[in-house]
Amino acid sequence: GFRCFRCDRIGGIRGGGVVLLVREDITAVLWQDRLEGPSREAIWVELRSGSGVTTLLGVSYRPPNGERELEEQICKAIADISSKHKVVIVGDFNFRHRLGNTFCKRA
């Protein structure tokens, strides 16, 4: 089976939110359930291997009409977290930038 981690959209708005399913044989601990602010939809789960290696897995959603400020906050949160931890990030960011001209810069 699987463990289910979810972050529903707040404010009673239909749709949105994120979910992450992790196999039961993988040690997974909810690390941070959303980025700061009501419009952020993200889950951070700490995955621990049998050899003691820890990786943070982030699942995030940014609506297509998200403000530039939200992009900056998402990128800042990712930069802060990835500077301290081994990280894998997946999701639908709806960034309208080409890969060669990304908004997020590596610190």
PDB file of N, CA and C in Angstrom:
ATOM      1  N   GLY A   1       0.796  -1.175   0.000  1.00  0.00           N
ATOM      2  CA  GLY A   1       0.000   0.000   0.000  1.00  0.00           C
ATOM      3  C   GLY A   1       0.858   1.267   0.000  1.00  0.00           C
ATOM      4  N   PHE A   2       0.165   2.353   0.129  1.00  0.00           N
ATOM      5  CA  PHE A   2       0.780   3.680   0.075  1.00  0.00           C
ATOM      6  C   PHE A   2       0.300   4.546   1.221  1.00  0.00           C
ATOM      7  N   ARG A   3       1.149   5.493   1.613  1.00  0.00           N
ATOM      8  CA  ARG A   3       0.746   6.564   2.537  1.00  0.00           C
ATOM      9  C   ARG A   3       0.392   7.765   1.681  1.00  0.00           C
ATOM     10  N   CYS A   4      -0.644   8.472   2.073  1.00  0.00           N
ATOM     11  CA  CYS A   4      -1.117   9.618   1.309  1.00  0.00           C
ATOM     12  C   CYS A   4      -0.820  10.913   2.069  1.00  0.00           C
ATOM     13  N   PHE A   5      -0.123  11.824   1.414  1.00  0.00           N
ATOM     14  CA  PHE A   5       0.115  13.166   1.951  1.00  0.00           C
ATOM     15  C   PHE A   5      -0.621  14.126   1.022  1.00  0.00           C
ATOM     16  N   ARG A   6      -1.424  15.027   1.571  1.00  0.00           N
ATOM     17  CA  ARG A   6      -2.173  15.936   0.711  1.00  0.00           C
ATOM     18  C   ARG A   6      -2.235  17.333   1.295  1.00  0.00           C
ATOM     19  N   CYS A   7      -2.386  18.275   0.404  1.00  0.00           N
ATOM     20  CA  CYS A   7      -2.545  19.680   0.774  1.00  0.00           C
ATOM     21  C   CYS A   7      -3.672  20.222  -0.094  1.00  0.00           C
ATOM     22  N   ASP A   8      -4.847  20.327   0.487  1.00  0.00           N
ATOM     23  CA  ASP A   8      -6.004  20.823  -0.250  1.00  0.00           C
ATOM     24  C   ASP A   8      -5.912  22.338  -0.401  1.00  0.00           C
ATOM     25  N   ARG A   9      -6.511  22.837  -1.457  1.00  0.00           N
ATOM     26  CA  ARG A   9      -6.593  24.282  -1.653  1.00  0.00           C
ATOM     27  C   ARG A   9      -7.446  24.860  -0.525  1.00  0.00           C
ATOM     28  N   ILE A  10      -6.985  25.956   0.056  1.00  0.00           N
ATOM     29  CA  ILE A  10      -7.737  26.560   1.154  1.00  0.00           C
ATOM     30  C   ILE A  10      -8.707  27.605   0.613  1.00  0.00           C
ATOM     31  N   GLY A  11      -9.675  27.958   1.434  1.00  0.00           N
ATOM     32  CA  GLY A  11     -10.633  28.983   1.060  1.00  0.00           C
ATOM     33  C   GLY A  11     -11.872  28.431   0.380  1.00  0.00           C
ATOM     34  N   GLY A  12     -12.030  27.106   0.371  1.00  0.00           N
ATOM     35  CA  GLY A  12     -13.232  26.511  -0.203  1.00  0.00           C
ATOM     36  C   GLY A  12     -13.309  26.612  -1.712  1.00  0.00           C
ATOM     37  N   ILE A  13     -12.182  26.929  -2.371  1.00  0.00           N
ATOM     38  CA  ILE A  13     -12.167  27.039  -3.821  1.00  0.00           C
ATOM     39  C   ILE A  13     -12.085  25.631  -4.412  1.00  0.00           C
ATOM     40  N   ARG A  14     -12.928  25.370  -5.407  1.00  0.00           N
ATOM     41  CA  ARG A  14     -12.975  24.046  -6.030  1.00  0.00           C
ATOM     42  C   ARG A  14     -11.711  23.789  -6.847  1.00  0.00           C
ATOM     43  N   GLY A  15     -11.238  22.547  -6.813  1.00  0.00           N
ATOM     44  CA  GLY A  15     -10.064  22.163  -7.585  1.00  0.00           C
ATOM     45  C   GLY A  15      -8.783  22.524  -6.865  1.00  0.00           C
ATOM     46  N   GLY A  16      -7.673  22.231  -7.530  1.00  0.00           N
ATOM     47  CA  GLY A  16      -6.372  22.572  -6.967  1.00  0.00           C
ATOM     48  C   GLY A  16      -5.942  21.635  -5.863  1.00  0.00           C
ATOM     49  N   GLY A  17      -4.863  22.008  -5.211  1.00  0.00           N
ATOM     50  CA  GLY A  17      -4.288  21.171  -4.174  1.00  0.00           C
ATOM     51  C   GLY A  17      -3.284  20.206  -4.774  1.00  0.00           C
ATOM     52  N   VAL A  18      -2.525  19.563  -3.902  1.00  0.00           N
ATOM     53  CA  VAL A  18      -1.539  18.584  -4.347  1.00  0.00           C
ATOM     54  C   VAL A  18      -1.630  17.352  -3.467  1.00  0.00           C
ATOM     55  N   VAL A  19      -1.172  16.230  -4.022  1.00  0.00           N
ATOM     56  CA  VAL A  19      -1.157  14.973  -3.279  1.00  0.00           C
ATOM     57  C   VAL A  19       0.125  14.227  -3.623  1.00  0.00           C
ATOM     58  N   LEU A  20       0.620  13.493  -2.651  1.00  0.00           N
ATOM     59  CA  LEU A  20       1.818  12.678  -2.844  1.00  0.00           C
ATOM     60  C   LEU A  20       1.566  11.322  -2.213  1.00  0.00           C
ATOM     61  N   LEU A  21       1.781  10.262  -2.994  1.00  0.00           N
ATOM     62  CA  LEU A  21       1.654   8.902  -2.486  1.00  0.00           C
ATOM     63  C   LEU A  21       3.049   8.311  -2.365  1.00  0.00           C
ATOM     64  N   VAL A  22       3.347   7.739  -1.185  1.00  0.00           N
ATOM     65  CA  VAL A  22       4.657   7.137  -0.917  1.00  0.00           C
ATOM     66  C   VAL A  22       4.422   5.692  -0.489  1.00  0.00           C
ATOM     67  N   ARG A  23       5.178   4.781  -1.109  1.00  0.00           N
ATOM     68  CA  ARG A  23       5.049   3.367  -0.718  1.00  0.00           C
ATOM     69  C   ARG A  23       5.255   3.213   0.787  1.00  0.00           C
ATOM     70  N   GLU A  24       4.483   2.327   1.396  1.00  0.00           N
ATOM     71  CA  GLU A  24       4.551   2.120   2.838  1.00  0.00           C
ATOM     72  C   GLU A  24       5.907   1.634   3.318  1.00  0.00           C
ATOM     73  N   ASP A  25       6.689   0.977   2.451  1.00  0.00           N
ATOM     74  CA  ASP A  25       7.989   0.474   2.888  1.00  0.00           C
ATOM     75  C   ASP A  25       9.080   1.549   2.838  1.00  0.00           C
ATOM     76  N   ILE A  26       8.727   2.774   2.452  1.00  0.00           N
ATOM     77  CA  ILE A  26       9.670   3.898   2.456  1.00  0.00           C
ATOM     78  C   ILE A  26       9.333   4.785   3.647  1.00  0.00           C
ATOM     79  N   THR A  27      10.345   5.094   4.467  1.00  0.00           N
ATOM     80  CA  THR A  27      10.110   5.970   5.614  1.00  0.00           C
ATOM     81  C   THR A  27       9.907   7.388   5.106  1.00  0.00           C
ATOM     82  N   ALA A  28       8.731   7.941   5.370  1.00  0.00           N
ATOM     83  CA  ALA A  28       8.386   9.281   4.902  1.00  0.00           C
ATOM     84  C   ALA A  28       7.744  10.058   6.040  1.00  0.00           C
ATOM     85  N   VAL A  29       8.243  11.290   6.254  1.00  0.00           N
ATOM     86  CA  VAL A  29       7.734  12.142   7.328  1.00  0.00           C
ATOM     87  C   VAL A  29       7.352  13.490   6.724  1.00  0.00           C
ATOM     88  N   LEU A  30       6.134  13.946   7.027  1.00  0.00           N
ATOM     89  CA  LEU A  30       5.706  15.258   6.556  1.00  0.00           C
ATOM     90  C   LEU A  30       6.634  16.305   7.140  1.00  0.00           C
ATOM     91  N   TRP A  31       7.266  17.083   6.296  1.00  0.00           N
ATOM     92  CA  TRP A  31       8.271  18.044   6.748  1.00  0.00           C
ATOM     93  C   TRP A  31       7.707  19.445   6.815  1.00  0.00           C
ATOM     94  N   GLN A  32       7.049  19.857   5.747  1.00  0.00           N
ATOM     95  CA  GLN A  32       6.420  21.173   5.727  1.00  0.00           C
ATOM     96  C   GLN A  32       5.244  21.037   4.789  1.00  0.00           C
ATOM     97  N   ASP A  33       4.046  21.353   5.271  1.00  0.00           N
ATOM     98  CA  ASP A  33       2.889  20.998   4.449  1.00  0.00           C
ATOM     99  C   ASP A  33       2.481  22.061   3.441  1.00  0.00           C
ATOM    100  N   ARG A  34       3.023  23.278   3.512  1.00  0.00           N
ATOM    101  CA  ARG A  34       2.729  24.267   2.474  1.00  0.00           C
ATOM    102  C   ARG A  34       3.697  25.431   2.584  1.00  0.00           C
ATOM    103  N   LEU A  35       3.906  26.089   1.474  1.00  0.00           N
ATOM    104  CA  LEU A  35       4.692  27.315   1.502  1.00  0.00           C
ATOM    105  C   LEU A  35       3.885  28.367   2.250  1.00  0.00           C
ATOM    106  N   GLU A  36       4.544  29.392   2.736  1.00  0.00           N
ATOM    107  CA  GLU A  36       3.846  30.415   3.510  1.00  0.00           C
ATOM    108  C   GLU A  36       2.805  31.121   2.659  1.00  0.00           C
ATOM    109  N   GLY A  37       1.652  31.383   3.247  1.00  0.00           N
ATOM    110  CA  GLY A  37       0.599  32.128   2.566  1.00  0.00           C
ATOM    111  C   GLY A  37      -0.534  31.230   2.107  1.00  0.00           C
ATOM    112  N   PRO A  38      -1.718  31.792   1.960  1.00  0.00           N
ATOM    113  CA  PRO A  38      -2.908  31.005   1.646  1.00  0.00           C
ATOM    114  C   PRO A  38      -2.978  30.490   0.217  1.00  0.00           C
ATOM    115  N   SER A  39      -2.229  31.075  -0.723  1.00  0.00           N
ATOM    116  CA  SER A  39      -2.361  30.645  -2.112  1.00  0.00           C
ATOM    117  C   SER A  39      -1.317  29.617  -2.504  1.00  0.00           C
ATOM    118  N   ARG A  40      -0.518  29.160  -1.550  1.00  0.00           N
ATOM    119  CA  ARG A  40       0.540  28.205  -1.851  1.00  0.00           C
ATOM    120  C   ARG A  40       0.037  26.790  -1.665  1.00  0.00           C
ATOM    121  N   GLU A  41       0.292  25.978  -2.658  1.00  0.00           N
ATOM    122  CA  GLU A  41      -0.128  24.584  -2.589  1.00  0.00           C
ATOM    123  C   GLU A  41       1.116  23.737  -2.765  1.00  0.00           C
ATOM    124  N   ALA A  42       1.619  23.208  -1.645  1.00  0.00           N
ATOM    125  CA  ALA A  42       2.849  22.417  -1.700  1.00  0.00           C
ATOM    126  C   ALA A  42       2.906  21.457  -0.527  1.00  0.00           C
ATOM    127  N   ILE A  43       3.620  20.364  -0.745  1.00  0.00           N
ATOM    128  CA  ILE A  43       3.886  19.372   0.303  1.00  0.00           C
ATOM    129  C   ILE A  43       5.385  19.102   0.271  1.00  0.00           C
ATOM    130  N   TRP A  44       5.997  19.020   1.444  1.00  0.00           N
ATOM    131  CA  TRP A  44       7.401  18.613   1.567  1.00  0.00           C
ATOM    132  C   TRP A  44       7.444  17.397   2.470  1.00  0.00           C
ATOM    133  N   VAL A  45       8.000  16.315   1.955  1.00  0.00           N
ATOM    134  CA  VAL A  45       8.103  15.069   2.711  1.00  0.00           C
ATOM    135  C   VAL A  45       9.572  14.666   2.777  1.00  0.00           C
ATOM    136  N   GLU A  46      10.006  14.302   3.976  1.00  0.00           N
ATOM    137  CA  GLU A  46      11.374  13.839   4.174  1.00  0.00           C
ATOM    138  C   GLU A  46      11.387  12.329   3.974  1.00  0.00           C
ATOM    139  N   LEU A  47      12.190  11.884   3.005  1.00  0.00           N
ATOM    140  CA  LEU A  47      12.330  10.453   2.725  1.00  0.00           C
ATOM    141  C   LEU A  47      13.647   9.990   3.323  1.00  0.00           C
ATOM    142  N   ARG A  48      13.612   8.900   4.098  1.00  0.00           N
ATOM    143  CA  ARG A  48      14.815   8.384   4.745  1.00  0.00           C
ATOM    144  C   ARG A  48      15.108   6.982   4.246  1.00  0.00           C
ATOM    145  N   SER A  49      16.333   6.805   3.763  1.00  0.00           N
ATOM    146  CA  SER A  49      16.716   5.482   3.274  1.00  0.00           C
ATOM    147  C   SER A  49      17.222   4.644   4.440  1.00  0.00           C
ATOM    148  N   GLY A  50      17.343   3.350   4.221  1.00  0.00           N
ATOM    149  CA  GLY A  50      17.856   2.447   5.246  1.00  0.00           C
ATOM    150  C   GLY A  50      19.290   2.763   5.624  1.00  0.00           C
ATOM    151  N   SER A  51      20.042   3.385   4.709  1.00  0.00           N
ATOM    152  CA  SER A  51      21.441   3.721   4.992  1.00  0.00           C
ATOM    153  C   SER A  51      21.591   5.097   5.643  1.00  0.00           C
ATOM    154  N   GLY A  52      20.460   5.745   5.956  1.00  0.00           N
ATOM    155  CA  GLY A  52      20.514   7.019   6.655  1.00  0.00           C
ATOM    156  C   GLY A  52      20.509   8.249   5.768  1.00  0.00           C
ATOM    157  N   VAL A  53      20.440   8.072   4.450  1.00  0.00           N
ATOM    158  CA  VAL A  53      20.398   9.219   3.540  1.00  0.00           C
ATOM    159  C   VAL A  53      19.004   9.826   3.578  1.00  0.00           C
ATOM    160  N   THR A  54      18.943  11.152   3.734  1.00  0.00           N
ATOM    161  CA  THR A  54      17.672  11.860   3.795  1.00  0.00           C
ATOM    162  C   THR A  54      17.529  12.753   2.567  1.00  0.00           C
ATOM    163  N   THR A  55      16.368  12.686   1.942  1.00  0.00           N
ATOM    164  CA  THR A  55      16.058  13.529   0.789  1.00  0.00           C
ATOM    165  C   THR A  55      14.692  14.162   1.015  1.00  0.00           C
ATOM    166  N   LEU A  56      14.579  15.456   0.721  1.00  0.00           N
ATOM    167  CA  LEU A  56      13.281  16.112   0.778  1.00  0.00           C
ATOM    168  C   LEU A  56      12.642  16.035  -0.599  1.00  0.00           C
ATOM    169  N   LEU A  57      11.399  15.605  -0.633  1.00  0.00           N
ATOM    170  CA  LEU A  57      10.640  15.553  -1.872  1.00  0.00           C
ATOM    171  C   LEU A  57       9.544  16.600  -1.774  1.00  0.00           C
ATOM    172  N   GLY A  58       9.570  17.554  -2.691  1.00  0.00           N
ATOM    173  CA  GLY A  58       8.575  18.618  -2.706  1.00  0.00           C
ATOM    174  C   GLY A  58       7.652  18.468  -3.893  1.00  0.00           C
ATOM    175  N   VAL A  59       6.353  18.632  -3.650  1.00  0.00           N
ATOM    176  CA  VAL A  59       5.351  18.632  -4.707  1.00  0.00           C
ATOM    177  C   VAL A  59       4.635  19.969  -4.612  1.00  0.00           C
ATOM    178  N   SER A  60       4.600  20.703  -5.726  1.00  0.00           N
ATOM    179  CA  SER A  60       4.056  22.047  -5.681  1.00  0.00           C
ATOM    180  C   SER A  60       3.166  22.336  -6.877  1.00  0.00           C
ATOM    181  N   TYR A  61       2.197  23.216  -6.670  1.00  0.00           N
ATOM    182  CA  TYR A  61       1.336  23.701  -7.748  1.00  0.00           C
ATOM    183  C   TYR A  61       1.265  25.213  -7.670  1.00  0.00           C
ATOM    184  N   ARG A  62       1.439  25.858  -8.810  1.00  0.00           N
ATOM    185  CA  ARG A  62       1.267  27.307  -8.932  1.00  0.00           C
ATOM    186  C   ARG A  62       0.252  27.529 -10.042  1.00  0.00           C
ATOM    187  N   PRO A  63      -0.863  28.223  -9.745  1.00  0.00           N
ATOM    188  CA  PRO A  63      -1.882  28.440 -10.772  1.00  0.00           C
ATOM    189  C   PRO A  63      -1.327  29.239 -11.950  1.00  0.00           C
ATOM    190  N   PRO A  64      -1.877  29.038 -13.152  1.00  0.00           N
ATOM    191  CA  PRO A  64      -1.364  29.737 -14.329  1.00  0.00           C
ATOM    192  C   PRO A  64      -1.456  31.256 -14.219  1.00  0.00           C
ATOM    193  N   ASN A  65      -2.405  31.745 -13.461  1.00  0.00           N
ATOM    194  CA  ASN A  65      -2.563  33.197 -13.323  1.00  0.00           C
ATOM    195  C   ASN A  65      -1.873  33.730 -12.069  1.00  0.00           C
ATOM    196  N   GLY A  66      -0.940  32.957 -11.506  1.00  0.00           N
ATOM    197  CA  GLY A  66      -0.236  33.374 -10.290  1.00  0.00           C
ATOM    198  C   GLY A  66       0.578  34.644 -10.508  1.00  0.00           C
ATOM    199  N   GLU A  67       0.614  35.473  -9.513  1.00  0.00           N
ATOM    200  CA  GLU A  67       1.341  36.734  -9.576  1.00  0.00           C
ATOM    201  C   GLU A  67       2.850  36.514  -9.568  1.00  0.00           C
ATOM    202  N   ARG A  68       3.577  37.494 -10.056  1.00  0.00           N
ATOM    203  CA  ARG A  68       5.049  37.453 -10.063  1.00  0.00           C
ATOM    204  C   ARG A  68       5.578  37.286  -8.628  1.00  0.00           C
ATOM    205  N   GLU A  69       4.924  37.913  -7.660  1.00  0.00           N
ATOM    206  CA  GLU A  69       5.334  37.793  -6.251  1.00  0.00           C
ATOM    207  C   GLU A  69       5.292  36.341  -5.798  1.00  0.00           C
ATOM    208  N   LEU A  70       4.285  35.595  -6.242  1.00  0.00           N
ATOM    209  CA  LEU A  70       4.179  34.181  -5.888  1.00  0.00           C
ATOM    210  C   LEU A  70       5.342  33.399  -6.496  1.00  0.00           C
ATOM    211  N   GLU A  71       5.705  33.712  -7.755  1.00  0.00           N
ATOM    212  CA  GLU A  71       6.863  33.068  -8.377  1.00  0.00           C
ATOM    213  C   GLU A  71       8.114  33.305  -7.542  1.00  0.00           C
ATOM    214  N   GLU A  72       8.305  34.547  -7.111  1.00  0.00           N
ATOM    215  CA  GLU A  72       9.487  34.893  -6.318  1.00  0.00           C
ATOM    216  C   GLU A  72       9.495  34.146  -4.994  1.00  0.00           C
ATOM    217  N   GLN A  73       8.340  34.024  -4.346  1.00  0.00           N
ATOM    218  CA  GLN A  73       8.265  33.322  -3.064  1.00  0.00           C
ATOM    219  C   GLN A  73       8.531  31.829  -3.233  1.00  0.00           C
ATOM    220  N   ILE A  74       8.007  31.236  -4.304  1.00  0.00           N
ATOM    221  CA  ILE A  74       8.256  29.816  -4.562  1.00  0.00           C
ATOM    222  C   ILE A  74       9.746  29.589  -4.793  1.00  0.00           C
ATOM    223  N   CYS A  75      10.353  30.428  -5.639  1.00  0.00           N
ATOM    224  CA  CYS A  75      11.782  30.274  -5.943  1.00  0.00           C
ATOM    225  C   CYS A  75      12.636  30.483  -4.702  1.00  0.00           C
ATOM    226  N   LYS A  76      12.275  31.465  -3.855  1.00  0.00           N
ATOM    227  CA  LYS A  76      13.030  31.715  -2.627  1.00  0.00           C
ATOM    228  C   LYS A  76      12.927  30.510  -1.697  1.00  0.00           C
ATOM    229  N   ALA A  77      11.723  29.960  -1.537  1.00  0.00           N
ATOM    230  CA  ALA A  77      11.544  28.798  -0.664  1.00  0.00           C
ATOM    231  C   ALA A  77      12.353  27.615  -1.171  1.00  0.00           C
ATOM    232  N   ILE A  78      12.336  27.380  -2.481  1.00  0.00           N
ATOM    233  CA  ILE A  78      13.099  26.274  -3.061  1.00  0.00           C
ATOM    234  C   ILE A  78      14.593  26.496  -2.851  1.00  0.00           C
ATOM    235  N   ALA A  79      15.060  27.727  -3.071  1.00  0.00           N
ATOM    236  CA  ALA A  79      16.485  28.034  -2.878  1.00  0.00           C
ATOM    237  C   ALA A  79      16.895  27.830  -1.426  1.00  0.00           C
ATOM    238  N   ASP A  80      16.066  28.287  -0.482  1.00  0.00           N
ATOM    239  CA  ASP A  80      16.378  28.133   0.947  1.00  0.00           C
ATOM    240  C   ASP A  80      16.466  26.661   1.331  1.00  0.00           C
ATOM    241  N   ILE A  81      15.472  25.891   0.909  1.00  0.00           N
ATOM    242  CA  ILE A  81      15.424  24.479   1.276  1.00  0.00           C
ATOM    243  C   ILE A  81      16.577  23.711   0.622  1.00  0.00           C
ATOM    244  N   SER A  82      16.822  23.977  -0.669  1.00  0.00           N
ATOM    245  CA  SER A  82      17.844  23.204  -1.386  1.00  0.00           C
ATOM    246  C   SER A  82      19.265  23.581  -0.984  1.00  0.00           C
ATOM    247  N   SER A  83      19.428  24.715  -0.297  1.00  0.00           N
ATOM    248  CA  SER A  83      20.767  25.076   0.173  1.00  0.00           C
ATOM    249  C   SER A  83      21.166  24.265   1.409  1.00  0.00           C
ATOM    250  N   LYS A  84      20.172  23.639   2.065  1.00  0.00           N
ATOM    251  CA  LYS A  84      20.431  22.912   3.309  1.00  0.00           C
ATOM    252  C   LYS A  84      20.172  21.418   3.201  1.00  0.00           C
ATOM    253  N   HIS A  85      19.475  20.988   2.158  1.00  0.00           N
ATOM    254  CA  HIS A  85      19.040  19.598   2.059  1.00  0.00           C
ATOM    255  C   HIS A  85      19.208  19.076   0.640  1.00  0.00           C
ATOM    256  N   LYS A  86      19.277  17.762   0.528  1.00  0.00           N
ATOM    257  CA  LYS A  86      19.193  17.097  -0.768  1.00  0.00           C
ATOM    258  C   LYS A  86      17.717  17.137  -1.155  1.00  0.00           C
ATOM    259  N   VAL A  87      17.409  17.636  -2.360  1.00  0.00           N
ATOM    260  CA  VAL A  87      16.022  17.933  -2.704  1.00  0.00           C
ATOM    261  C   VAL A  87      15.649  17.398  -4.087  1.00  0.00           C
ATOM    262  N   VAL A  88      14.412  16.900  -4.188  1.00  0.00           N
ATOM    263  CA  VAL A  88      13.781  16.596  -5.463  1.00  0.00           C
ATOM    264  C   VAL A  88      12.469  17.366  -5.472  1.00  0.00           C
ATOM    265  N   ILE A  89      12.232  18.134  -6.545  1.00  0.00           N
ATOM    266  CA  ILE A  89      11.028  18.958  -6.622  1.00  0.00           C
ATOM    267  C   ILE A  89      10.274  18.606  -7.900  1.00  0.00           C
ATOM    268  N   VAL A  90       8.987  18.341  -7.748  1.00  0.00           N
ATOM    269  CA  VAL A  90       8.124  18.061  -8.892  1.00  0.00           C
ATOM    270  C   VAL A  90       6.848  18.882  -8.740  1.00  0.00           C
ATOM    271  N   GLY A  91       6.155  19.060  -9.828  1.00  0.00           N
ATOM    272  CA  GLY A  91       4.888  19.767  -9.738  1.00  0.00           C
ATOM    273  C   GLY A  91       4.546  20.487 -11.020  1.00  0.00           C
ATOM    274  N   ASP A  92       3.529  21.298 -10.940  1.00  0.00           N
ATOM    275  CA  ASP A  92       3.065  22.112 -12.055  1.00  0.00           C
ATOM    276  C   ASP A  92       3.238  23.562 -11.630  1.00  0.00           C
ATOM    277  N   PHE A  93       4.296  24.191 -12.125  1.00  0.00           N
ATOM    278  CA  PHE A  93       4.622  25.551 -11.712  1.00  0.00           C
ATOM    279  C   PHE A  93       4.013  26.601 -12.640  1.00  0.00           C
ATOM    280  N   ASN A  94       3.580  26.181 -13.823  1.00  0.00           N
ATOM    281  CA  ASN A  94       2.982  27.103 -14.783  1.00  0.00           C
ATOM    282  C   ASN A  94       3.832  28.344 -15.010  1.00  0.00           C
ATOM    283  N   PHE A  95       5.149  28.171 -14.992  1.00  0.00           N
ATOM    284  CA  PHE A  95       6.038  29.290 -15.316  1.00  0.00           C
ATOM    285  C   PHE A  95       6.004  29.472 -16.825  1.00  0.00           C
ATOM    286  N   ARG A  96       5.932  30.694 -17.269  1.00  0.00           N
ATOM    287  CA  ARG A  96       5.861  30.981 -18.700  1.00  0.00           C
ATOM    288  C   ARG A  96       7.236  31.348 -19.253  1.00  0.00           C
ATOM    289  N   HIS A  97       8.285  30.786 -18.695  1.00  0.00           N
ATOM    290  CA  HIS A  97       9.638  31.122 -19.117  1.00  0.00           C
ATOM    291  C   HIS A  97      10.276  29.924 -19.794  1.00  0.00           C
ATOM    292  N   ARG A  98      11.095  30.189 -20.789  1.00  0.00           N
ATOM    293  CA  ARG A  98      11.849  29.117 -21.429  1.00  0.00           C
ATOM    294  C   ARG A  98      12.907  28.604 -20.460  1.00  0.00           C
ATOM    295  N   LEU A  99      13.318  27.369 -20.653  1.00  0.00           N
ATOM    296  CA  LEU A  99      14.313  26.758 -19.769  1.00  0.00           C
ATOM    297  C   LEU A  99      15.599  27.567 -19.730  1.00  0.00           C
ATOM    298  N   GLY A 100      16.041  28.107 -20.877  1.00  0.00           N
ATOM    299  CA  GLY A 100      17.267  28.883 -20.926  1.00  0.00           C
ATOM    300  C   GLY A 100      17.137  30.250 -20.272  1.00  0.00           C
ATOM    301  N   ASN A 101      15.937  30.650 -19.954  1.00  0.00           N
ATOM    302  CA  ASN A 101      15.704  31.974 -19.360  1.00  0.00           C
ATOM    303  C   ASN A 101      14.817  31.826 -18.128  1.00  0.00           C
ATOM    304  N   THR A 102      15.193  30.918 -17.236  1.00  0.00           N
ATOM    305  CA  THR A 102      14.332  30.615 -16.091  1.00  0.00           C
ATOM    306  C   THR A 102      14.357  31.726 -15.069  1.00  0.00           C
ATOM    307  N   PHE A 103      13.269  31.846 -14.354  1.00  0.00           N
ATOM    308  CA  PHE A 103      13.177  32.854 -13.306  1.00  0.00           C
ATOM    309  C   PHE A 103      14.027  32.458 -12.108  1.00  0.00           C
ATOM    310  N   CYS A 104      13.982  31.178 -11.751  1.00  0.00           N
ATOM    311  CA  CYS A 104      14.751  30.697 -10.611  1.00  0.00           C
ATOM    312  C   CYS A 104      16.224  30.594 -10.991  1.00  0.00           C
ATOM    313  N   LYS A 105      17.055  31.208 -10.256  1.00  0.00           N
ATOM    314  CA  LYS A 105      18.499  31.148 -10.484  1.00  0.00           C
ATOM    315  C   LYS A 105      19.120  30.297  -9.395  1.00  0.00           C
ATOM    316  N   ARG A 106      20.140  29.542  -9.755  1.00  0.00           N
ATOM    317  CA  ARG A 106      20.848  28.728  -8.775  1.00  0.00           C
ATOM    318  C   ARG A 106      21.683  29.632  -7.897  1.00  0.00           C
ATOM    319  N   ALA A 107      21.585  29.442  -6.573  1.00  0.00           N
ATOM    320  CA  ALA A 107      22.324  30.300  -5.627  1.00  0.00           C
ATOM    321  C   ALA A 107      23.779  29.895  -5.554  1.00  0.00           C
TER     322      ALA A 107
END
